[in-house]
Amino acid sequence: MSIQDFYFVMTTLWDQLALTKPAELSVSAPYITCRESQCLVQFLMALCSDFESLHGSILLEKFSTLPFNKSISSSLAPFDLVHFDV
């Protein structure tokens, strides 16, 4: 499974999970920030241990400045090794 395929599966699951939350949360900036952070951590931790050094650098970057977005997934595009525990 490629990184992009794995990311698609994860976003589908996250979107389904979001539907179980109250609609008011979808416009709450603190909730959205927290949810994005949780999704990033789940995504990175599900990758193989081969990506351990990459996990740290992305998490450091995320928690210091950037919101989670597809650019992070795209930066992993050359890699196709995924450990998938969903």
N, C-alpha and C. Protein backbone atom coordinates (compact mmCIF):
# COMPACT_ATOMS: atom_id res chain seq x y z
N MET A 1 0.86 -1.18 0.00
CA MET A 1 0.00 0.00 0.00
C MET A 1 0.90 1.23 0.00
N SER A 2 0.58 2.17 -0.84
CA SER A 2 1.38 3.40 -0.90
C SER A 2 0.97 4.35 0.24
N ILE A 3 1.80 5.34 0.46
CA ILE A 3 1.50 6.36 1.47
C ILE A 3 0.19 7.07 1.14
N GLN A 4 -0.01 7.38 -0.13
CA GLN A 4 -1.23 8.08 -0.53
C GLN A 4 -2.47 7.22 -0.29
N ASP A 5 -2.38 5.92 -0.59
CA ASP A 5 -3.51 5.02 -0.34
C ASP A 5 -3.81 4.93 1.15
N PHE A 6 -2.75 4.80 1.93
CA PHE A 6 -2.91 4.73 3.38
C PHE A 6 -3.52 6.01 3.93
N TYR A 7 -3.03 7.16 3.45
CA TYR A 7 -3.57 8.44 3.89
C TYR A 7 -5.06 8.55 3.54
N PHE A 8 -5.44 8.08 2.35
CA PHE A 8 -6.85 8.11 1.94
C PHE A 8 -7.70 7.27 2.88
N VAL A 9 -7.23 6.07 3.23
CA VAL A 9 -7.97 5.21 4.15
C VAL A 9 -8.12 5.89 5.51
N MET A 10 -7.03 6.47 5.99
CA MET A 10 -7.08 7.14 7.30
C MET A 10 -8.03 8.34 7.27
N THR A 11 -7.98 9.16 6.22
CA THR A 11 -8.87 10.33 6.17
C THR A 11 -10.33 9.90 6.09
N THR A 12 -10.59 8.80 5.42
CA THR A 12 -11.96 8.28 5.37
C THR A 12 -12.43 7.90 6.77
N LEU A 13 -11.58 7.22 7.51
CA LEU A 13 -11.93 6.85 8.89
C LEU A 13 -12.09 8.07 9.78
N TRP A 14 -11.18 9.04 9.66
CA TRP A 14 -11.28 10.25 10.46
C TRP A 14 -12.57 11.02 10.14
N ASP A 15 -12.93 11.08 8.87
CA ASP A 15 -14.16 11.77 8.48
C ASP A 15 -15.39 11.08 9.06
N GLN A 16 -15.39 9.75 9.03
CA GLN A 16 -16.51 9.00 9.62
C GLN A 16 -16.58 9.23 11.12
N LEU A 17 -15.44 9.25 11.77
CA LEU A 17 -15.41 9.51 13.21
C LEU A 17 -15.91 10.92 13.52
N ALA A 18 -15.55 11.88 12.69
CA ALA A 18 -15.98 13.26 12.89
C ALA A 18 -17.50 13.39 12.83
N LEU A 19 -18.13 12.54 12.05
CA LEU A 19 -19.60 12.58 11.94
C LEU A 19 -20.29 12.18 13.23
N THR A 20 -19.57 11.52 14.13
CA THR A 20 -20.15 11.11 15.41
C THR A 20 -20.08 12.22 16.45
N LYS A 21 -19.38 13.29 16.13
CA LYS A 21 -19.22 14.41 17.06
C LYS A 21 -20.29 15.46 16.81
N PRO A 22 -20.63 16.26 17.82
CA PRO A 22 -21.61 17.33 17.64
C PRO A 22 -21.19 18.30 16.53
N ALA A 23 -22.13 18.76 15.75
CA ALA A 23 -21.86 19.64 14.61
C ALA A 23 -21.18 20.94 15.04
N GLU A 24 -21.46 21.40 16.25
CA GLU A 24 -20.87 22.65 16.73
C GLU A 24 -19.33 22.58 16.78
N LEU A 25 -18.81 21.38 16.98
CA LEU A 25 -17.36 21.23 17.06
C LEU A 25 -16.67 21.47 15.73
N SER A 26 -17.39 21.28 14.63
CA SER A 26 -16.77 21.43 13.31
C SER A 26 -16.37 22.87 13.00
N VAL A 27 -16.84 23.83 13.79
CA VAL A 27 -16.48 25.23 13.59
C VAL A 27 -15.65 25.78 14.74
N SER A 28 -15.29 24.92 15.67
CA SER A 28 -14.50 25.34 16.82
C SER A 28 -13.01 25.22 16.50
N ALA A 29 -12.34 26.36 16.42
CA ALA A 29 -10.92 26.36 16.06
C ALA A 29 -10.07 25.51 17.01
N PRO A 30 -10.25 25.60 18.33
CA PRO A 30 -9.44 24.75 19.21
C PRO A 30 -9.68 23.25 18.97
N TYR A 31 -10.92 22.88 18.74
CA TYR A 31 -11.23 21.47 18.47
C TYR A 31 -10.59 21.02 17.15
N ILE A 32 -10.69 21.84 16.12
CA ILE A 32 -10.13 21.49 14.82
C ILE A 32 -8.61 21.32 14.93
N THR A 33 -7.96 22.22 15.65
CA THR A 33 -6.51 22.13 15.85
C THR A 33 -6.15 20.84 16.58
N CYS A 34 -6.89 20.52 17.61
CA CYS A 34 -6.65 19.30 18.38
C CYS A 34 -6.87 18.07 17.51
N ARG A 35 -7.94 18.06 16.75
CA ARG A 35 -8.25 16.92 15.88
C ARG A 35 -7.17 16.72 14.83
N GLU A 36 -6.70 17.80 14.23
CA GLU A 36 -5.64 17.70 13.24
C GLU A 36 -4.36 17.14 13.85
N SER A 37 -4.06 17.57 15.05
CA SER A 37 -2.88 17.06 15.75
C SER A 37 -3.02 15.57 16.02
N GLN A 38 -4.18 15.15 16.47
CA GLN A 38 -4.41 13.73 16.73
C GLN A 38 -4.31 12.90 15.44
N CYS A 39 -4.84 13.42 14.36
CA CYS A 39 -4.76 12.71 13.08
C CYS A 39 -3.32 12.57 12.62
N LEU A 40 -2.55 13.62 12.77
CA LEU A 40 -1.14 13.57 12.38
C LEU A 40 -0.40 12.50 13.17
N VAL A 41 -0.59 12.49 14.47
CA VAL A 41 0.08 11.51 15.31
C VAL A 41 -0.35 10.09 14.92
N GLN A 42 -1.64 9.87 14.73
CA GLN A 42 -2.12 8.54 14.33
C GLN A 42 -1.51 8.11 13.00
N PHE A 43 -1.47 9.02 12.05
CA PHE A 43 -0.91 8.72 10.74
C PHE A 43 0.56 8.34 10.84
N LEU A 44 1.32 9.17 11.53
CA LEU A 44 2.76 8.92 11.64
C LEU A 44 3.07 7.65 12.43
N MET A 45 2.33 7.40 13.49
CA MET A 45 2.61 6.23 14.32
C MET A 45 2.23 4.93 13.62
N ALA A 46 1.37 4.99 12.64
CA ALA A 46 0.98 3.78 11.91
C ALA A 46 1.99 3.41 10.84
N LEU A 47 2.90 4.33 10.52
CA LEU A 47 3.93 4.03 9.52
C LEU A 47 4.97 3.07 10.12
N CYS A 48 5.68 2.39 9.27
CA CYS A 48 6.74 1.47 9.70
C CYS A 48 7.78 2.20 10.55
N SER A 49 8.51 1.43 11.33
CA SER A 49 9.59 2.01 12.14
C SER A 49 10.70 2.58 11.26
N ASP A 50 10.71 2.22 9.97
CA ASP A 50 11.70 2.77 9.04
C ASP A 50 11.59 4.30 8.97
N PHE A 51 10.45 4.83 9.34
CA PHE A 51 10.20 6.26 9.23
C PHE A 51 10.36 6.98 10.58
N GLU A 52 10.97 6.33 11.56
CA GLU A 52 11.05 6.89 12.91
C GLU A 52 11.70 8.27 12.94
N SER A 53 12.80 8.45 12.23
CA SER A 53 13.45 9.77 12.23
C SER A 53 12.57 10.82 11.56
N LEU A 54 11.83 10.40 10.55
CA LEU A 54 10.91 11.30 9.87
C LEU A 54 9.75 11.69 10.79
N HIS A 55 9.27 10.74 11.61
CA HIS A 55 8.20 11.03 12.57
C HIS A 55 8.59 12.23 13.43
N GLY A 56 9.78 12.14 14.02
CA GLY A 56 10.23 13.20 14.93
C GLY A 56 10.31 14.55 14.26
N SER A 57 10.87 14.59 13.07
CA SER A 57 11.03 15.89 12.41
C SER A 57 9.68 16.48 12.01
N ILE A 58 8.77 15.65 11.55
CA ILE A 58 7.44 16.16 11.17
C ILE A 58 6.66 16.61 12.40
N LEU A 59 6.72 15.82 13.48
CA LEU A 59 6.02 16.22 14.70
C LEU A 59 6.58 17.51 15.27
N LEU A 60 7.88 17.65 15.25
CA LEU A 60 8.49 18.89 15.73
C LEU A 60 8.03 20.07 14.90
N GLU A 61 8.01 19.89 13.59
CA GLU A 61 7.56 20.96 12.69
C GLU A 61 6.09 21.28 12.93
N LYS A 62 5.26 20.24 13.08
CA LYS A 62 3.82 20.42 13.27
C LYS A 62 3.52 21.16 14.55
N PHE A 63 4.11 20.71 15.62
CA PHE A 63 3.76 21.30 16.90
C PHE A 63 4.43 22.64 17.14
N SER A 64 5.34 23.03 16.24
CA SER A 64 5.91 24.35 16.39
C SER A 64 5.24 25.38 15.47
N THR A 65 4.78 24.94 14.25
CA THR A 65 4.22 25.96 13.36
C THR A 65 3.07 25.51 12.46
N LEU A 66 3.13 24.34 11.84
CA LEU A 66 2.23 24.03 10.73
C LEU A 66 1.00 23.22 11.11
N PRO A 67 -0.14 23.52 10.46
CA PRO A 67 -1.30 22.62 10.59
C PRO A 67 -1.10 21.38 9.73
N PHE A 68 -1.73 20.29 10.10
CA PHE A 68 -1.63 19.05 9.31
C PHE A 68 -2.33 19.27 7.99
N ASN A 69 -1.67 18.89 6.91
CA ASN A 69 -2.30 19.00 5.60
C ASN A 69 -1.69 18.00 4.65
N LYS A 70 -2.17 18.00 3.43
CA LYS A 70 -1.72 17.03 2.46
C LYS A 70 -0.26 17.22 2.06
N SER A 71 0.32 18.38 2.33
CA SER A 71 1.73 18.58 1.97
C SER A 71 2.63 17.66 2.76
N ILE A 72 2.25 17.34 3.99
CA ILE A 72 3.04 16.39 4.78
C ILE A 72 2.95 15.01 4.16
N SER A 73 1.74 14.60 3.80
CA SER A 73 1.57 13.31 3.13
C SER A 73 2.33 13.29 1.81
N SER A 74 2.30 14.38 1.09
CA SER A 74 2.99 14.45 -0.19
C SER A 74 4.50 14.35 -0.02
N SER A 75 5.02 14.89 1.08
CA SER A 75 6.46 14.81 1.30
C SER A 75 6.91 13.37 1.54
N LEU A 76 5.97 12.50 1.90
CA LEU A 76 6.28 11.10 2.12
C LEU A 76 6.05 10.26 0.87
N ALA A 77 5.59 10.87 -0.20
CA ALA A 77 5.19 10.15 -1.41
C ALA A 77 6.22 9.15 -1.95
N PRO A 78 7.52 9.41 -1.89
CA PRO A 78 8.47 8.44 -2.45
C PRO A 78 8.51 7.12 -1.68
N PHE A 79 7.95 7.10 -0.48
CA PHE A 79 8.03 5.91 0.36
C PHE A 79 6.74 5.09 0.22
N ASP A 80 6.89 3.79 0.10
CA ASP A 80 5.72 2.93 -0.04
C ASP A 80 5.61 1.89 1.08
N LEU A 81 6.45 1.98 2.09
CA LEU A 81 6.42 1.00 3.17
C LEU A 81 5.49 1.51 4.26
N VAL A 82 4.40 0.80 4.47
CA VAL A 82 3.41 1.23 5.45
C VAL A 82 3.03 0.04 6.32
N HIS A 83 2.96 0.31 7.62
CA HIS A 83 2.41 -0.67 8.56
C HIS A 83 1.03 -0.16 8.92
N PHE A 84 0.03 -0.97 8.72
CA PHE A 84 -1.34 -0.52 8.75
C PHE A 84 -2.12 -1.34 9.76
N ASP A 85 -2.50 -0.75 10.90
CA ASP A 85 -3.19 -1.46 11.97
C ASP A 85 -4.59 -0.94 12.22
N VAL A 86 -5.36 -0.71 11.20
CA VAL A 86 -6.72 -0.17 11.41
C VAL A 86 -7.72 -1.30 11.38
